Amino acid sequence: MLKSVVRAVGAAVRLSTATTSTARALPLSCPTLRSPSTVTIRPFTRSLWMLNNNGALSGYRPKLFSSKVSNPSVSCGCGGLHTEGDKAFGEFLFDEIKEEKKIQKSKTLPKMSGGWELEMNGTEAKLTRSVAGEKVTVTFNVNNSIPPNFEEEVEQGQQKSAEEEPEIVSTPNFVVEVTKQAAKHSLVFDCHFPEDEMSHGEGEEESDIFAIREVSFQPEGDADWKETSYTLNTDSLDWALYDHLMDFLADRGVDNTFADELMELSTAVEHQEYIKFLEDLQGFVKCN
């Protein structure tokens, strides 16, 4: 009963903070902010312009174009344009890659408990498992899964220590697809990590760290969400029905433990992809 009350309060919070979505695709990849408790995290070392200026939301942009034009050098024979700025950019990327690899916990991805099989396709991950004749598929994309840094700007002349730096955790939206052998359609859940999830107080029953945003029946294996299929939005849903939907997922292995492990996996995947992007960028900038 206590779990139902907790979820009822969570549903009320979701109703007050609901936002409207105009287009959907499986999987969704826009992140929401949260403060994870048990997931493995890594230090925030990214020195690209977002660190001290809160990214795009601050209105700040680095000075990409200098009014002083330097004379390019094209003597390398590759036919590309190479400037002193490119050289400095390449040196910066070299140091950035070195620092990111230094804090990388492992080159192998963490494994999910519960018999989930992982399949990677670039930034998209697919987890599958079979439960008594049912197939459960969870897909997520690490693109845009890092919440922006809303830390207050450090006063001029002060510097943050390594311990004070914000930590990077990937919190992607994820889609759960449950398929039965005799059914023509799959039951699909659009899930996310809400910013305002309830804290786990001492002596209180553990609350859900993820939430269901929408539920719909969709053709099995379709990549796009069919807008012609009825979609149940949980913002105004009766809490008892929502409670049963959450229990339905938990019975199939999608619970708080799964959500914690998914964040750990997503964080590792995102970090790998970030390092790979920096390496590709370095190779593109410098003369090979």
Protein backbone atom coordinates (compact mmCIF):
# COMPACT_ATOMS: atom_id res chain seq x y z
CA MET A 1 0.00 0.00 0.00
CA LEU A 2 2.86 2.35 0.82
CA LYS A 3 4.37 1.84 -2.62
CA SER A 4 1.05 2.83 -4.18
CA VAL A 5 0.93 6.01 -2.10
CA VAL A 6 4.50 6.87 -3.14
CA ARG A 7 3.67 6.32 -6.77
CA ALA A 8 0.48 8.36 -6.41
CA VAL A 9 2.50 11.29 -5.12
CA GLY A 10 4.98 10.79 -7.98
CA ALA A 11 2.10 10.87 -10.47
CA ALA A 12 0.89 14.16 -9.01
CA VAL A 13 4.38 15.63 -9.40
CA ARG A 14 4.56 14.43 -13.00
CA LEU A 15 1.21 16.05 -13.72
CA SER A 16 2.40 19.43 -12.46
CA THR A 17 5.61 19.28 -14.50
CA ALA A 18 4.26 17.67 -17.64
CA THR A 19 5.49 18.78 -21.00
CA THR A 20 3.95 18.11 -24.38
CA SER A 21 5.72 16.08 -27.06
CA THR A 22 4.86 16.61 -30.71
CA ALA A 23 6.93 13.87 -32.32
CA ARG A 24 8.29 10.59 -31.11
CA ALA A 25 10.66 7.93 -32.35
CA LEU A 26 11.87 4.69 -30.83
CA PRO A 27 14.06 5.11 -28.91
CA LEU A 28 13.70 8.69 -27.65
CA SER A 29 16.98 10.36 -26.84
CA CYS A 30 16.28 13.70 -25.13
CA PRO A 31 17.58 13.59 -21.55
CA THR A 32 16.03 14.63 -18.29
CA LEU A 33 17.94 15.61 -15.19
CA ARG A 34 18.22 13.52 -12.05
CA SER A 35 20.58 12.94 -9.17
CA PRO A 36 21.45 9.21 -9.18
CA SER A 37 22.31 7.52 -5.93
CA THR A 38 23.99 4.24 -6.68
CA VAL A 39 25.11 4.41 -10.30
CA THR A 40 28.82 4.44 -11.07
CA ILE A 41 29.86 7.95 -12.09
CA ARG A 42 32.93 9.58 -13.54
CA PRO A 43 34.47 12.98 -12.87
CA PHE A 44 33.48 15.92 -15.05
CA THR A 45 36.67 16.76 -16.95
CA ARG A 46 35.29 18.04 -20.23
CA SER A 47 36.95 21.36 -20.75
CA LEU A 48 35.10 22.20 -23.93
CA TRP A 49 33.13 25.43 -23.64
CA MET A 50 30.15 23.97 -21.74
CA LEU A 51 32.06 23.40 -18.45
CA ASN A 52 32.05 26.87 -16.95
CA ASN A 53 29.32 28.44 -19.04
CA ASN A 54 26.40 26.02 -18.71
CA GLY A 55 26.52 25.04 -22.37
CA ALA A 56 24.07 26.40 -24.88
CA LEU A 57 21.68 27.65 -22.19
CA SER A 58 24.08 30.33 -20.99
CA GLY A 59 24.06 32.21 -24.26
CA TYR A 60 27.86 32.02 -24.28
CA ARG A 61 29.70 30.90 -27.37
CA PRO A 62 33.44 30.42 -27.74
CA LYS A 63 35.19 32.68 -30.22
CA LEU A 64 35.17 30.39 -33.23
CA PHE A 65 36.16 32.99 -35.77
CA SER A 66 39.02 35.40 -35.21
CA SER A 67 39.07 38.79 -36.84
CA LYS A 68 42.76 38.26 -37.47
CA VAL A 69 43.17 35.91 -40.41
CA SER A 70 46.33 33.83 -40.37
CA ASN A 71 48.04 32.72 -43.52
CA PRO A 72 47.30 29.03 -44.17
CA SER A 73 49.96 26.50 -45.00
CA VAL A 74 49.21 23.87 -47.62
CA SER A 75 52.68 22.45 -48.07
CA CYS A 76 51.87 19.01 -46.67
CA GLY A 77 50.52 17.67 -49.95
CA CYS A 78 47.18 16.47 -48.59
CA GLY A 79 45.33 19.32 -50.27
CA GLY A 80 43.69 20.45 -47.04
CA LEU A 81 43.82 23.79 -45.30
CA HIS A 82 46.12 23.89 -42.24
CA THR A 83 46.50 26.94 -40.05
CA GLU A 84 48.18 27.80 -36.77
CA GLY A 85 44.71 27.59 -35.25
CA ASP A 86 44.37 24.02 -36.51
CA LYS A 87 47.71 23.15 -34.93
CA ALA A 88 46.64 24.58 -31.57
CA PHE A 89 43.28 22.81 -31.87
CA GLY A 90 45.03 19.47 -32.51
CA GLU A 91 47.28 19.95 -29.49
CA PHE A 92 44.29 20.75 -27.31
CA LEU A 93 42.47 17.62 -28.51
CA PHE A 94 45.54 15.51 -27.79
CA ASP A 95 45.52 16.66 -24.17
CA GLU A 96 41.75 16.28 -23.89
CA ILE A 97 41.85 12.69 -25.15
CA LYS A 98 44.68 11.88 -22.77
CA GLU A 99 42.70 13.20 -19.78
CA GLU A 100 39.51 11.38 -20.75
CA LYS A 101 41.32 8.06 -21.18
CA LYS A 102 42.96 8.60 -17.78
CA ILE A 103 39.58 8.65 -16.02
CA GLN A 104 38.01 5.91 -18.15
CA LYS A 105 37.25 3.07 -15.74
CA SER A 106 37.34 0.27 -18.30
CA LYS A 107 37.47 -0.21 -22.04
CA THR A 108 34.85 -2.94 -21.74
CA LEU A 109 31.20 -2.14 -21.07
CA PRO A 110 29.61 -3.19 -17.76
CA LYS A 111 27.31 -6.20 -17.94
CA MET A 112 23.65 -6.12 -17.03
CA SER A 113 22.36 -8.64 -14.51
CA GLY A 114 19.21 -10.63 -15.22
CA GLY A 115 20.28 -12.32 -18.43
CA TRP A 116 20.05 -9.27 -20.68
CA GLU A 117 21.88 -9.52 -24.01
CA LEU A 118 23.45 -6.31 -25.33
CA GLU A 119 23.61 -5.28 -28.98
CA MET A 120 25.30 -2.00 -29.96
CA ASN A 121 24.77 0.06 -33.10
CA GLY A 122 26.82 3.24 -32.75
CA THR A 123 25.21 5.33 -30.02
CA GLU A 124 22.13 3.12 -29.82
CA ALA A 125 21.98 0.16 -27.46
CA LYS A 126 19.48 -2.70 -27.45
CA LEU A 127 18.95 -5.03 -24.49
CA THR A 128 16.90 -8.20 -24.94
CA ARG A 129 15.79 -11.07 -22.73
CA SER A 130 13.15 -13.79 -22.85
CA VAL A 131 10.75 -14.41 -19.99
CA ALA A 132 8.43 -17.44 -20.20
CA GLY A 133 7.74 -17.09 -23.90
CA GLU A 134 7.74 -13.29 -23.89
CA LYS A 135 10.42 -11.18 -25.49
CA VAL A 136 11.41 -7.99 -23.69
CA THR A 137 13.45 -5.40 -25.59
CA VAL A 138 14.86 -2.19 -24.15
CA THR A 139 16.42 0.39 -26.46
CA PHE A 140 18.11 3.69 -25.69
CA ASN A 141 20.40 6.21 -27.35
CA VAL A 142 23.23 7.99 -25.53
CA ASN A 143 23.05 11.08 -27.74
CA ASN A 144 21.96 14.12 -25.69
CA SER A 145 21.74 11.97 -22.57
CA ILE A 146 24.11 14.12 -20.48
CA PRO A 147 22.21 16.78 -18.53
CA PRO A 148 23.62 20.31 -18.93
CA ASN A 149 25.76 21.71 -16.15
CA PHE A 150 23.70 24.11 -14.05
CA GLU A 151 26.40 24.62 -11.41
CA GLU A 152 26.80 28.22 -10.28
CA GLU A 153 29.73 29.97 -11.86
CA VAL A 154 32.85 30.09 -9.72
CA GLU A 155 33.79 33.56 -8.53
CA GLN A 156 36.61 35.20 -10.41
CA GLY A 157 40.01 34.14 -9.13
CA GLN A 158 38.71 30.88 -7.63
CA GLN A 159 39.10 27.41 -9.03
CA LYS A 160 37.20 24.24 -8.23
CA SER A 161 39.09 21.26 -6.89
CA ALA A 162 38.71 17.86 -8.53
CA GLU A 163 36.38 16.77 -5.73
CA GLU A 164 34.10 19.77 -6.32
CA GLU A 165 33.71 19.22 -10.05
CA PRO A 166 30.25 18.03 -11.14
CA GLU A 167 30.01 14.39 -12.19
CA ILE A 168 28.81 13.09 -15.51
CA VAL A 169 25.99 10.56 -15.55
CA SER A 170 24.08 9.56 -18.67
CA THR A 171 20.32 9.42 -18.06
CA PRO A 172 18.75 8.49 -21.39
CA ASN A 173 15.11 8.01 -22.17
CA PHE A 174 14.50 4.35 -22.90
CA VAL A 175 11.78 2.33 -24.57
CA VAL A 176 10.57 -1.05 -23.32
CA GLU A 177 8.86 -3.33 -25.82
CA VAL A 178 7.06 -6.47 -24.56
CA THR A 179 6.11 -9.01 -27.22
CA LYS A 180 3.98 -12.13 -26.74
CA GLN A 181 4.17 -15.01 -29.19
CA ALA A 182 0.49 -15.04 -30.10
CA ALA A 183 0.01 -11.26 -30.14
CA LYS A 184 -0.01 -9.16 -33.31
CA HIS A 185 1.29 -6.05 -31.55
CA SER A 186 3.83 -5.24 -28.87
CA LEU A 187 3.08 -3.29 -25.71
CA VAL A 188 5.51 -0.37 -25.72
CA PHE A 189 6.49 1.82 -22.76
CA ASP A 190 8.23 5.17 -23.19
CA CYS A 191 10.26 5.64 -19.98
CA HIS A 192 12.55 8.31 -18.59
CA PHE A 193 14.49 9.38 -15.51
CA PRO A 194 12.53 12.28 -14.00
CA GLU A 195 14.28 15.27 -12.50
CA ASP A 196 11.98 15.35 -9.52
CA GLU A 197 12.07 11.68 -8.49
CA MET A 198 11.32 11.20 -4.81
CA SER A 199 14.25 10.65 -2.46
CA HIS A 200 14.73 7.41 -0.57
CA GLY A 201 14.19 8.43 3.03
CA GLU A 202 15.27 6.24 5.92
CA GLY A 203 12.48 3.90 6.96
CA GLU A 204 10.50 4.65 3.81
CA GLU A 205 9.85 2.25 0.99
CA GLU A 206 12.10 2.77 -2.00
CA SER A 207 10.52 4.95 -4.66
CA ASP A 208 10.83 4.47 -8.40
CA ILE A 209 13.88 6.14 -9.95
CA PHE A 210 12.38 5.96 -13.43
CA ALA A 211 8.92 6.73 -14.70
CA ILE A 212 6.59 5.74 -17.54
CA ARG A 213 5.70 8.65 -19.79
CA GLU A 214 3.51 6.92 -22.39
CA VAL A 215 2.16 3.46 -23.23
CA SER A 216 0.91 2.23 -26.58
CA PHE A 217 0.39 -0.86 -28.71
CA GLN A 218 2.75 -0.79 -31.71
CA PRO A 219 3.60 -3.18 -34.56
CA GLU A 220 6.38 -5.51 -33.43
CA GLY A 221 9.89 -4.34 -34.35
CA ASP A 222 8.85 -1.02 -35.88
CA ALA A 223 11.44 1.71 -35.37
CA ASP A 224 8.92 4.56 -35.56
CA TRP A 225 6.12 5.23 -33.16
CA LYS A 226 2.83 5.06 -35.09
CA GLU A 227 0.84 8.20 -34.37
CA THR A 228 -2.31 6.44 -35.54
CA SER A 229 -2.15 4.05 -32.58
CA TYR A 230 -3.77 5.23 -29.36
CA THR A 231 -1.19 6.45 -26.85
CA LEU A 232 -1.89 6.48 -23.13
CA ASN A 233 -0.22 9.45 -21.44
CA THR A 234 0.48 8.84 -17.75
CA ASP A 235 0.43 12.50 -16.68
CA SER A 236 -3.29 12.34 -15.92
CA LEU A 237 -3.52 8.59 -15.35
CA ASP A 238 -5.25 7.01 -12.37
CA TRP A 239 -2.51 6.09 -9.90
CA ALA A 240 -3.78 2.53 -9.45
CA LEU A 241 -3.48 1.80 -13.17
CA TYR A 242 -0.03 3.38 -13.22
CA ASP A 243 0.96 1.22 -10.25
CA HIS A 244 -0.05 -1.93 -12.13
CA LEU A 245 1.91 -0.83 -15.21
CA MET A 246 5.05 -0.36 -13.11
CA ASP A 247 4.54 -3.79 -11.53
CA PHE A 248 4.08 -5.26 -15.02
CA LEU A 249 7.53 -3.97 -15.97
CA ALA A 250 9.11 -5.07 -12.69
CA ASP A 251 7.83 -8.63 -13.21
CA ARG A 252 9.76 -8.63 -16.49
CA GLY A 253 13.00 -7.38 -15.00
CA VAL A 254 12.61 -3.63 -15.58
CA ASP A 255 12.86 -2.27 -12.05
CA ASN A 256 15.06 0.07 -10.00
CA THR A 257 18.02 -2.33 -10.13
CA PHE A 258 17.72 -2.50 -13.91
CA ALA A 259 17.44 1.30 -14.16
CA ASP A 260 20.58 1.80 -12.07
CA GLU A 261 22.53 -0.65 -14.22
CA LEU A 262 21.17 0.94 -17.38
CA MET A 263 22.52 4.34 -16.28
CA GLU A 264 25.91 2.78 -15.55
CA LEU A 265 25.96 1.13 -18.97
CA SER A 266 24.77 4.27 -20.73
CA THR A 267 27.40 6.39 -18.96
CA ALA A 268 30.15 4.00 -20.09
CA VAL A 269 28.85 3.91 -23.68
CA GLU A 270 28.55 7.69 -23.82
CA HIS A 271 32.12 8.10 -22.53
CA GLN A 272 33.46 5.66 -25.12
CA GLU A 273 31.62 7.48 -27.90
CA TYR A 274 32.87 10.84 -26.63
CA ILE A 275 36.50 9.69 -26.69
CA LYS A 276 36.00 8.20 -30.15
CA PHE A 277 34.53 11.50 -31.36
CA LEU A 278 37.51 13.43 -30.01
CA GLU A 279 39.91 11.02 -31.74
CA ASP A 280 38.03 11.35 -35.03
CA LEU A 281 37.99 15.12 -34.63
CA GLN A 282 41.71 15.16 -33.96
CA GLY A 283 42.37 13.07 -37.05
CA PHE A 284 40.20 15.38 -39.12
CA VAL A 285 41.92 18.54 -37.91
CA LYS A 286 45.53 17.48 -38.03
CA CYS A 287 47.56 16.62 -41.14
CA ASN A 288 47.90 12.85 -41.57
